[in-house]
Amino acid sequence: MSKEKLMDRARDELFSHINRCGVLQAAEDDQQHWMDETIDYLGERYPDLTETDLGQLHEIGLRFCKPAIAHGADSTAKTMEDVGVA
């Protein structure tokens, strides 16, 4: 399997774990701890990935946990009705 395909597969698996495990609602420290353990797991699951590859997955995963536009009850995002869209 090519290196790019292996990284894509590991990244997709990471995103799947993030969505299933509810880590998006966790505190930042808990997210960091969870990500450390999950990246260790992915390193075992995909032994052909280098430490650099795993570091990139770690960074991508943490960014995925902090979307540019917040969602949920604490979000200040406006609804279409709030902004007066006709």
N, C-alpha and C. Protein backbone atom coordinates (compact mmCIF):
# COMPACT_ATOMS: atom_id res chain seq x y z
N MET A 1 0.86 -1.18 0.00
CA MET A 1 0.00 0.00 0.00
C MET A 1 0.90 1.24 0.00
N SER A 2 0.54 2.24 -0.78
CA SER A 2 1.35 3.44 -0.87
C SER A 2 1.28 4.24 0.44
N LYS A 3 2.30 5.04 0.67
CA LYS A 3 2.39 5.85 1.89
C LYS A 3 1.19 6.80 2.00
N GLU A 4 0.80 7.44 0.89
CA GLU A 4 -0.32 8.38 0.91
C GLU A 4 -1.62 7.66 1.27
N LYS A 5 -1.81 6.49 0.72
CA LYS A 5 -3.03 5.73 0.98
C LYS A 5 -3.07 5.26 2.44
N LEU A 6 -1.92 4.88 2.97
CA LEU A 6 -1.84 4.47 4.37
C LEU A 6 -2.17 5.64 5.29
N MET A 7 -1.63 6.82 5.00
CA MET A 7 -1.94 8.02 5.80
C MET A 7 -3.42 8.37 5.70
N ASP A 8 -3.99 8.28 4.50
CA ASP A 8 -5.41 8.56 4.32
C ASP A 8 -6.26 7.61 5.16
N ARG A 9 -5.90 6.34 5.15
CA ARG A 9 -6.66 5.35 5.91
C ARG A 9 -6.56 5.62 7.41
N ALA A 10 -5.36 5.93 7.88
CA ALA A 10 -5.16 6.22 9.31
C ALA A 10 -5.90 7.49 9.71
N ARG A 11 -5.87 8.52 8.84
CA ARG A 11 -6.58 9.77 9.12
C ARG A 11 -8.08 9.53 9.19
N ASP A 12 -8.61 8.78 8.25
CA ASP A 12 -10.04 8.50 8.25
C ASP A 12 -10.45 7.72 9.50
N GLU A 13 -9.60 6.78 9.91
CA GLU A 13 -9.89 6.02 11.13
C GLU A 13 -9.85 6.94 12.35
N LEU A 14 -8.89 7.86 12.39
CA LEU A 14 -8.81 8.82 13.49
C LEU A 14 -10.07 9.67 13.57
N PHE A 15 -10.53 10.20 12.44
CA PHE A 15 -11.75 11.01 12.43
C PHE A 15 -12.96 10.20 12.88
N SER A 16 -13.01 8.95 12.47
CA SER A 16 -14.10 8.08 12.88
C SER A 16 -14.09 7.88 14.39
N HIS A 17 -12.91 7.65 14.96
CA HIS A 17 -12.79 7.50 16.41
C HIS A 17 -13.22 8.78 17.13
N ILE A 18 -12.80 9.92 16.62
CA ILE A 18 -13.15 11.20 17.23
C ILE A 18 -14.67 11.37 17.27
N ASN A 19 -15.32 11.09 16.16
CA ASN A 19 -16.77 11.27 16.10
C ASN A 19 -17.52 10.27 16.97
N ARG A 20 -17.04 9.04 17.05
CA ARG A 20 -17.73 8.00 17.84
C ARG A 20 -17.51 8.14 19.33
N CYS A 21 -16.35 8.63 19.75
CA CYS A 21 -15.99 8.60 21.17
C CYS A 21 -16.46 9.83 21.94
N GLY A 22 -17.02 10.82 21.29
CA GLY A 22 -17.52 11.99 22.00
C GLY A 22 -16.43 12.92 22.50
N VAL A 23 -15.22 12.79 21.96
CA VAL A 23 -14.11 13.61 22.42
C VAL A 23 -14.30 15.09 22.05
N LEU A 24 -15.18 15.38 21.10
CA LEU A 24 -15.42 16.77 20.71
C LEU A 24 -16.02 17.58 21.86
N GLN A 25 -16.75 16.93 22.76
CA GLN A 25 -17.37 17.62 23.88
C GLN A 25 -16.48 17.61 25.12
N ALA A 26 -15.33 16.98 25.07
CA ALA A 26 -14.44 16.86 26.23
C ALA A 26 -13.65 18.15 26.45
N ALA A 27 -13.15 18.31 27.67
CA ALA A 27 -12.28 19.44 28.00
C ALA A 27 -10.98 19.31 27.21
N GLU A 28 -10.31 20.44 27.02
CA GLU A 28 -9.10 20.46 26.19
C GLU A 28 -8.02 19.50 26.71
N ASP A 29 -7.82 19.45 28.03
CA ASP A 29 -6.83 18.53 28.60
C ASP A 29 -7.20 17.07 28.33
N ASP A 30 -8.48 16.77 28.44
CA ASP A 30 -8.95 15.41 28.17
C ASP A 30 -8.79 15.06 26.69
N GLN A 31 -9.03 16.04 25.83
CA GLN A 31 -8.83 15.81 24.40
C GLN A 31 -7.37 15.48 24.11
N GLN A 32 -6.48 16.22 24.74
CA GLN A 32 -5.04 15.99 24.53
C GLN A 32 -4.65 14.59 24.98
N HIS A 33 -5.10 14.19 26.15
CA HIS A 33 -4.79 12.85 26.68
C HIS A 33 -5.38 11.77 25.77
N TRP A 34 -6.62 11.96 25.37
CA TRP A 34 -7.29 11.00 24.48
C TRP A 34 -6.53 10.89 23.16
N MET A 35 -6.12 12.04 22.62
CA MET A 35 -5.41 12.05 21.33
C MET A 35 -4.07 11.34 21.45
N ASP A 36 -3.34 11.56 22.55
CA ASP A 36 -2.06 10.88 22.76
C ASP A 36 -2.24 9.36 22.72
N GLU A 37 -3.25 8.87 23.44
CA GLU A 37 -3.49 7.43 23.49
C GLU A 37 -3.96 6.88 22.14
N THR A 38 -4.78 7.64 21.45
CA THR A 38 -5.30 7.19 20.16
C THR A 38 -4.20 7.15 19.11
N ILE A 39 -3.31 8.12 19.13
CA ILE A 39 -2.19 8.13 18.17
C ILE A 39 -1.26 6.96 18.47
N ASP A 40 -1.05 6.64 19.75
CA ASP A 40 -0.25 5.45 20.09
C ASP A 40 -0.90 4.20 19.51
N TYR A 41 -2.22 4.11 19.65
CA TYR A 41 -2.95 2.96 19.09
C TYR A 41 -2.78 2.90 17.57
N LEU A 42 -2.93 4.05 16.90
CA LEU A 42 -2.78 4.06 15.44
C LEU A 42 -1.36 3.69 15.02
N GLY A 43 -0.37 4.08 15.84
CA GLY A 43 1.01 3.70 15.55
C GLY A 43 1.21 2.19 15.60
N GLU A 44 0.50 1.54 16.54
CA GLU A 44 0.57 0.08 16.62
C GLU A 44 -0.20 -0.56 15.46
N ARG A 45 -1.31 0.04 15.11
CA ARG A 45 -2.16 -0.51 14.04
C ARG A 45 -1.53 -0.33 12.66
N TYR A 46 -0.80 0.77 12.50
CA TYR A 46 -0.14 1.08 11.21
C TYR A 46 1.36 1.22 11.45
N PRO A 47 2.08 0.12 11.62
CA PRO A 47 3.50 0.19 11.97
C PRO A 47 4.39 0.81 10.89
N ASP A 48 3.90 0.94 9.67
CA ASP A 48 4.70 1.54 8.61
C ASP A 48 4.69 3.07 8.67
N LEU A 49 3.86 3.65 9.52
CA LEU A 49 3.85 5.10 9.67
C LEU A 49 5.04 5.53 10.53
N THR A 50 5.67 6.62 10.14
CA THR A 50 6.82 7.12 10.89
C THR A 50 6.35 8.01 12.05
N GLU A 51 7.28 8.38 12.90
CA GLU A 51 6.95 9.30 14.00
C GLU A 51 6.46 10.65 13.45
N THR A 52 7.02 11.06 12.32
CA THR A 52 6.57 12.30 11.67
C THR A 52 5.13 12.16 11.21
N ASP A 53 4.80 11.03 10.60
CA ASP A 53 3.43 10.78 10.16
C ASP A 53 2.47 10.83 11.34
N LEU A 54 2.84 10.16 12.43
CA LEU A 54 1.99 10.13 13.62
C LEU A 54 1.85 11.52 14.23
N GLY A 55 2.91 12.30 14.18
CA GLY A 55 2.85 13.68 14.66
C GLY A 55 1.87 14.52 13.84
N GLN A 56 1.89 14.30 12.53
CA GLN A 56 0.94 15.01 11.67
C GLN A 56 -0.49 14.59 11.97
N LEU A 57 -0.71 13.30 12.19
CA LEU A 57 -2.05 12.83 12.55
C LEU A 57 -2.51 13.44 13.88
N HIS A 58 -1.60 13.54 14.82
CA HIS A 58 -1.91 14.13 16.13
C HIS A 58 -2.37 15.57 15.94
N GLU A 59 -1.62 16.33 15.16
CA GLU A 59 -1.94 17.74 14.92
C GLU A 59 -3.27 17.88 14.18
N ILE A 60 -3.48 17.07 13.17
CA ILE A 60 -4.73 17.09 12.41
C ILE A 60 -5.90 16.76 13.32
N GLY A 61 -5.73 15.75 14.17
CA GLY A 61 -6.79 15.34 15.08
C GLY A 61 -7.17 16.44 16.05
N LEU A 62 -6.16 17.12 16.62
CA LEU A 62 -6.46 18.20 17.56
C LEU A 62 -7.15 19.37 16.87
N ARG A 63 -6.73 19.68 15.64
CA ARG A 63 -7.41 20.75 14.89
C ARG A 63 -8.84 20.36 14.57
N PHE A 64 -9.08 19.10 14.28
CA PHE A 64 -10.43 18.61 14.00
C PHE A 64 -11.33 18.77 15.22
N CYS A 65 -10.74 18.65 16.40
CA CYS A 65 -11.51 18.79 17.65
C CYS A 65 -11.86 20.24 17.97
N LYS A 66 -11.22 21.18 17.29
CA LYS A 66 -11.46 22.61 17.53
C LYS A 66 -11.89 23.28 16.23
N PRO A 67 -13.14 23.10 15.82
CA PRO A 67 -13.57 23.67 14.55
C PRO A 67 -13.53 25.20 14.58
N ALA A 68 -13.38 25.79 13.43
CA ALA A 68 -13.33 27.25 13.32
C ALA A 68 -14.64 27.88 13.76
N ILE A 69 -15.74 27.19 13.52
CA ILE A 69 -17.06 27.66 13.94
C ILE A 69 -17.58 26.69 14.97
N ALA A 70 -17.77 27.19 16.19
CA ALA A 70 -18.21 26.33 17.28
C ALA A 70 -19.64 25.86 17.07
N HIS A 71 -19.93 24.69 17.59
CA HIS A 71 -21.27 24.12 17.51
C HIS A 71 -21.73 23.77 18.91
N GLY A 72 -23.01 23.63 19.09
CA GLY A 72 -23.53 23.20 20.38
C GLY A 72 -24.16 24.33 21.17
N ALA A 73 -24.52 24.03 22.40
CA ALA A 73 -25.26 24.97 23.24
C ALA A 73 -24.46 26.22 23.56
N ASP A 74 -23.13 26.11 23.68
CA ASP A 74 -22.31 27.26 24.04
C ASP A 74 -21.95 28.13 22.84
N SER A 75 -22.37 27.74 21.68
CA SER A 75 -22.04 28.47 20.46
C SER A 75 -22.77 29.81 20.41
N THR A 76 -22.09 30.83 19.90
CA THR A 76 -22.71 32.13 19.70
C THR A 76 -23.13 32.33 18.25
N ALA A 77 -23.04 31.27 17.46
CA ALA A 77 -23.42 31.36 16.06
C ALA A 77 -24.90 31.73 15.95
N LYS A 78 -25.23 32.57 15.02
CA LYS A 78 -26.61 33.02 14.83
C LYS A 78 -27.37 32.08 13.90
N THR A 79 -28.65 31.99 14.12
CA THR A 79 -29.49 31.24 13.20
C THR A 79 -29.92 32.20 12.09
N MET A 80 -30.48 31.66 11.05
CA MET A 80 -30.95 32.50 9.96
C MET A 80 -32.01 33.48 10.45
N GLU A 81 -32.87 33.07 11.39
CA GLU A 81 -33.92 33.96 11.91
C GLU A 81 -33.30 35.10 12.72
N ASP A 82 -32.19 34.81 13.46
CA ASP A 82 -31.56 35.84 14.28
C ASP A 82 -30.97 36.97 13.46
N VAL A 83 -30.52 36.68 12.25
CA VAL A 83 -29.87 37.71 11.45
C VAL A 83 -30.86 38.42 10.52
N GLY A 84 -32.11 38.02 10.55
CA GLY A 84 -33.13 38.71 9.77
C GLY A 84 -33.09 38.43 8.29
N VAL A 85 -32.74 37.24 7.91
CA VAL A 85 -32.71 36.87 6.49
C VAL A 85 -34.13 36.69 6.01
N ALA A 86 -34.43 37.30 4.88
CA ALA A 86 -35.80 37.22 4.36
C ALA A 86 -35.98 36.04 3.46
